[in-house]
Amino acid sequence: MEAGTQIAYFPHQAYGAIDHPAVEFGFVVRMYDDDHALCRFWRKDARYLGERLRTTSSSEMVETRYLRVIDSVPQFMVDNAMEEFCR
């Protein structure tokens, strides 16, 4: 994975089900090391996915074993968010 890769975070309780309410969609800001990535996630309460980030002040470190590469929004939305919030 690299910066800008769209991902879905699957916590233990999701059991791999993409429609589980605990699954989060977002993107990689940068790789921390082989086992961790700094990510941003889209807010679930927005009108549509990709409208707003859950946090604009910081990225969240996630173990890569819980991530899958899944495109959830048009790439330009990720690119815009990266440009605005991830410098």
N, C-alpha and C. Protein backbone atom coordinates (compact mmCIF):
# COMPACT_ATOMS: atom_id res chain seq x y z
N MET A 1 0.84 -1.18 0.00
CA MET A 1 0.00 0.00 0.00
C MET A 1 0.89 1.24 0.00
N GLU A 2 0.34 2.31 -0.52
CA GLU A 2 1.06 3.56 -0.56
C GLU A 2 0.09 4.70 -0.31
N ALA A 3 0.62 5.90 -0.16
CA ALA A 3 -0.23 7.07 0.08
C ALA A 3 -1.30 7.19 -1.00
N GLY A 4 -2.53 7.40 -0.58
CA GLY A 4 -3.64 7.55 -1.50
C GLY A 4 -4.39 6.27 -1.82
N THR A 5 -3.88 5.12 -1.36
CA THR A 5 -4.57 3.86 -1.59
C THR A 5 -5.85 3.83 -0.76
N GLN A 6 -6.96 3.55 -1.40
CA GLN A 6 -8.23 3.44 -0.68
C GLN A 6 -8.31 2.10 0.03
N ILE A 7 -8.82 2.14 1.26
CA ILE A 7 -8.85 0.94 2.08
C ILE A 7 -10.18 0.82 2.82
N ALA A 8 -10.42 -0.38 3.32
CA ALA A 8 -11.49 -0.63 4.28
C ALA A 8 -10.84 -1.28 5.49
N TYR A 9 -11.21 -0.82 6.67
CA TYR A 9 -10.70 -1.36 7.93
C TYR A 9 -11.72 -2.36 8.45
N PHE A 10 -11.29 -3.61 8.64
CA PHE A 10 -12.14 -4.69 9.12
C PHE A 10 -11.71 -5.08 10.53
N PRO A 11 -12.36 -4.55 11.59
CA PRO A 11 -12.01 -4.97 12.94
C PRO A 11 -12.44 -6.41 13.18
N HIS A 12 -11.95 -7.00 14.28
CA HIS A 12 -12.27 -8.40 14.59
C HIS A 12 -13.77 -8.69 14.50
N GLN A 13 -14.58 -7.84 15.09
CA GLN A 13 -16.01 -8.13 15.19
C GLN A 13 -16.74 -8.11 13.84
N ALA A 14 -16.10 -7.62 12.80
CA ALA A 14 -16.74 -7.60 11.48
C ALA A 14 -16.69 -8.97 10.80
N TYR A 15 -15.79 -9.84 11.24
CA TYR A 15 -15.66 -11.19 10.67
C TYR A 15 -15.57 -11.17 9.14
N GLY A 16 -14.95 -10.13 8.60
CA GLY A 16 -14.75 -10.05 7.16
C GLY A 16 -15.96 -9.61 6.35
N ALA A 17 -17.06 -9.26 7.02
CA ALA A 17 -18.29 -8.85 6.32
C ALA A 17 -18.23 -7.36 6.00
N ILE A 18 -18.21 -7.01 4.73
CA ILE A 18 -18.07 -5.62 4.33
C ILE A 18 -19.27 -4.76 4.74
N ASP A 19 -20.41 -5.38 4.95
CA ASP A 19 -21.60 -4.61 5.34
C ASP A 19 -21.76 -4.49 6.86
N HIS A 20 -20.78 -4.96 7.62
CA HIS A 20 -20.84 -4.85 9.07
C HIS A 20 -20.70 -3.37 9.46
N PRO A 21 -21.48 -2.89 10.44
CA PRO A 21 -21.42 -1.48 10.81
C PRO A 21 -20.07 -1.02 11.37
N ALA A 22 -19.22 -1.93 11.79
CA ALA A 22 -17.91 -1.54 12.33
C ALA A 22 -16.86 -1.32 11.25
N VAL A 23 -17.13 -1.70 10.03
CA VAL A 23 -16.17 -1.52 8.93
C VAL A 23 -16.08 -0.03 8.61
N GLU A 24 -14.84 0.45 8.46
CA GLU A 24 -14.58 1.86 8.16
C GLU A 24 -13.91 1.97 6.79
N PHE A 25 -14.29 2.96 6.01
CA PHE A 25 -13.70 3.20 4.70
C PHE A 25 -12.85 4.46 4.74
N GLY A 26 -11.72 4.43 4.06
CA GLY A 26 -10.84 5.58 4.05
C GLY A 26 -9.69 5.38 3.10
N PHE A 27 -8.53 5.94 3.49
CA PHE A 27 -7.36 5.86 2.61
C PHE A 27 -6.08 5.94 3.44
N VAL A 28 -5.01 5.46 2.85
CA VAL A 28 -3.69 5.49 3.48
C VAL A 28 -3.07 6.86 3.26
N VAL A 29 -2.58 7.45 4.33
CA VAL A 29 -1.84 8.71 4.23
C VAL A 29 -0.37 8.40 4.00
N ARG A 30 0.16 7.45 4.76
CA ARG A 30 1.52 6.95 4.53
C ARG A 30 1.71 5.67 5.31
N MET A 31 2.65 4.88 4.84
CA MET A 31 3.01 3.66 5.55
C MET A 31 3.96 4.04 6.68
N TYR A 32 3.70 3.50 7.87
CA TYR A 32 4.56 3.75 9.02
C TYR A 32 5.72 2.76 9.02
N ASP A 33 5.37 1.50 8.85
CA ASP A 33 6.34 0.42 8.67
C ASP A 33 5.60 -0.70 7.94
N ASP A 34 6.17 -1.87 7.85
CA ASP A 34 5.53 -2.96 7.11
C ASP A 34 4.20 -3.40 7.71
N ASP A 35 4.03 -3.19 9.00
CA ASP A 35 2.84 -3.69 9.69
C ASP A 35 1.83 -2.63 10.09
N HIS A 36 2.13 -1.35 9.84
CA HIS A 36 1.25 -0.26 10.27
C HIS A 36 1.14 0.81 9.19
N ALA A 37 -0.05 1.38 9.08
CA ALA A 37 -0.27 2.47 8.15
C ALA A 37 -0.97 3.61 8.88
N LEU A 38 -0.66 4.84 8.48
CA LEU A 38 -1.38 6.00 8.97
C LEU A 38 -2.51 6.24 7.99
N CYS A 39 -3.74 6.27 8.50
CA CYS A 39 -4.92 6.33 7.64
C CYS A 39 -5.85 7.45 8.07
N ARG A 40 -6.70 7.85 7.16
CA ARG A 40 -7.83 8.75 7.42
C ARG A 40 -9.08 8.00 7.02
N PHE A 41 -10.16 8.26 7.75
CA PHE A 41 -11.42 7.57 7.48
C PHE A 41 -12.54 8.57 7.25
N TRP A 42 -13.47 8.17 6.39
CA TRP A 42 -14.64 9.00 6.07
C TRP A 42 -15.66 8.90 7.20
N ARG A 43 -16.35 9.99 7.45
CA ARG A 43 -17.42 10.00 8.46
C ARG A 43 -18.59 9.17 7.97
N LYS A 44 -19.16 8.39 8.87
CA LYS A 44 -20.30 7.55 8.51
C LYS A 44 -21.61 8.33 8.52
N ASP A 45 -21.67 9.43 9.27
CA ASP A 45 -22.92 10.17 9.40
C ASP A 45 -23.10 11.26 8.33
N ALA A 46 -22.20 11.31 7.35
CA ALA A 46 -22.32 12.28 6.27
C ALA A 46 -23.42 11.84 5.30
N ARG A 47 -23.87 12.76 4.48
CA ARG A 47 -24.91 12.42 3.49
C ARG A 47 -24.45 11.35 2.53
N TYR A 48 -23.19 11.40 2.17
CA TYR A 48 -22.62 10.38 1.28
C TYR A 48 -21.18 10.11 1.68
N LEU A 49 -20.71 8.92 1.40
CA LEU A 49 -19.35 8.52 1.73
C LEU A 49 -18.37 9.41 0.99
N GLY A 50 -17.38 9.92 1.67
CA GLY A 50 -16.38 10.77 1.05
C GLY A 50 -16.68 12.25 1.19
N GLU A 51 -17.82 12.57 1.80
CA GLU A 51 -18.17 13.98 1.96
C GLU A 51 -17.27 14.66 2.99
N ARG A 52 -17.02 13.97 4.11
CA ARG A 52 -16.20 14.54 5.18
C ARG A 52 -15.33 13.47 5.82
N LEU A 53 -14.18 13.92 6.31
CA LEU A 53 -13.32 13.02 7.05
C LEU A 53 -13.76 12.95 8.51
N ARG A 54 -13.51 11.82 9.14
CA ARG A 54 -13.84 11.66 10.56
C ARG A 54 -13.01 12.62 11.41
N THR A 55 -11.75 12.81 11.07
CA THR A 55 -10.91 13.79 11.75
C THR A 55 -10.05 14.50 10.72
N THR A 56 -9.89 15.79 10.90
CA THR A 56 -9.05 16.56 9.98
C THR A 56 -7.74 16.95 10.65
N SER A 57 -7.58 16.65 11.93
CA SER A 57 -6.38 17.08 12.64
C SER A 57 -5.26 16.04 12.65
N SER A 58 -5.61 14.77 12.51
CA SER A 58 -4.56 13.75 12.57
C SER A 58 -5.00 12.47 11.88
N SER A 59 -4.00 11.68 11.53
CA SER A 59 -4.26 10.36 10.96
C SER A 59 -4.30 9.34 12.08
N GLU A 60 -4.80 8.14 11.77
CA GLU A 60 -4.90 7.07 12.75
C GLU A 60 -4.01 5.92 12.33
N MET A 61 -3.23 5.38 13.29
CA MET A 61 -2.37 4.26 12.99
C MET A 61 -3.19 2.97 13.05
N VAL A 62 -3.07 2.16 12.01
CA VAL A 62 -3.84 0.93 11.90
C VAL A 62 -2.89 -0.21 11.51
N GLU A 63 -3.11 -1.36 12.09
CA GLU A 63 -2.34 -2.53 11.68
C GLU A 63 -2.81 -2.94 10.29
N THR A 64 -1.87 -3.14 9.39
CA THR A 64 -2.22 -3.44 8.01
C THR A 64 -2.96 -4.76 7.86
N ARG A 65 -2.83 -5.67 8.82
CA ARG A 65 -3.55 -6.94 8.71
C ARG A 65 -5.06 -6.76 8.77
N TYR A 66 -5.53 -5.61 9.24
CA TYR A 66 -6.97 -5.34 9.30
C TYR A 66 -7.46 -4.52 8.10
N LEU A 67 -6.58 -4.24 7.16
CA LEU A 67 -6.94 -3.42 6.00
C LEU A 67 -7.06 -4.26 4.75
N ARG A 68 -7.99 -3.87 3.90
CA ARG A 68 -8.11 -4.42 2.55
C ARG A 68 -8.18 -3.26 1.58
N VAL A 69 -7.57 -3.42 0.44
CA VAL A 69 -7.64 -2.40 -0.60
C VAL A 69 -9.01 -2.48 -1.25
N ILE A 70 -9.81 -1.43 -1.05
CA ILE A 70 -11.16 -1.36 -1.61
C ILE A 70 -11.43 0.08 -2.00
N ASP A 71 -11.74 0.33 -3.26
CA ASP A 71 -12.11 1.67 -3.71
C ASP A 71 -13.56 1.93 -3.34
N SER A 72 -13.78 2.95 -2.51
CA SER A 72 -15.14 3.24 -2.05
C SER A 72 -15.68 4.56 -2.57
N VAL A 73 -14.79 5.43 -3.05
CA VAL A 73 -15.20 6.73 -3.60
C VAL A 73 -14.35 7.00 -4.84
N PRO A 74 -14.75 7.97 -5.68
CA PRO A 74 -13.89 8.33 -6.81
C PRO A 74 -12.53 8.83 -6.29
N GLN A 75 -11.46 8.46 -6.96
CA GLN A 75 -10.11 8.77 -6.49
C GLN A 75 -9.87 10.26 -6.31
N PHE A 76 -10.53 11.11 -7.08
CA PHE A 76 -10.30 12.55 -6.94
C PHE A 76 -10.70 13.03 -5.55
N MET A 77 -11.65 12.35 -4.89
CA MET A 77 -12.04 12.76 -3.54
C MET A 77 -10.91 12.48 -2.55
N VAL A 78 -10.24 11.37 -2.71
CA VAL A 78 -9.08 11.05 -1.88
C VAL A 78 -7.96 12.04 -2.17
N ASP A 79 -7.69 12.30 -3.44
CA ASP A 79 -6.64 13.22 -3.81
C ASP A 79 -6.89 14.62 -3.22
N ASN A 80 -8.15 15.08 -3.27
CA ASN A 80 -8.50 16.38 -2.70
C ASN A 80 -8.30 16.40 -1.18
N ALA A 81 -8.72 15.35 -0.50
CA ALA A 81 -8.55 15.26 0.95
C ALA A 81 -7.07 15.21 1.32
N MET A 82 -6.29 14.47 0.56
CA MET A 82 -4.85 14.40 0.82
C MET A 82 -4.22 15.79 0.65
N GLU A 83 -4.61 16.48 -0.38
CA GLU A 83 -4.06 17.82 -0.65
C GLU A 83 -4.43 18.79 0.47
N GLU A 84 -5.66 18.73 0.93
CA GLU A 84 -6.15 19.69 1.92
C GLU A 84 -5.70 19.38 3.35
N PHE A 85 -5.70 18.10 3.75
CA PHE A 85 -5.52 17.77 5.16
C PHE A 85 -4.25 16.96 5.47
N CYS A 86 -3.55 16.48 4.48
CA CYS A 86 -2.47 15.53 4.77
C CYS A 86 -1.11 16.01 4.29
N ARG A 87 -0.83 17.25 4.41
CA ARG A 87 0.47 17.78 3.96
C ARG A 87 1.54 17.51 4.96
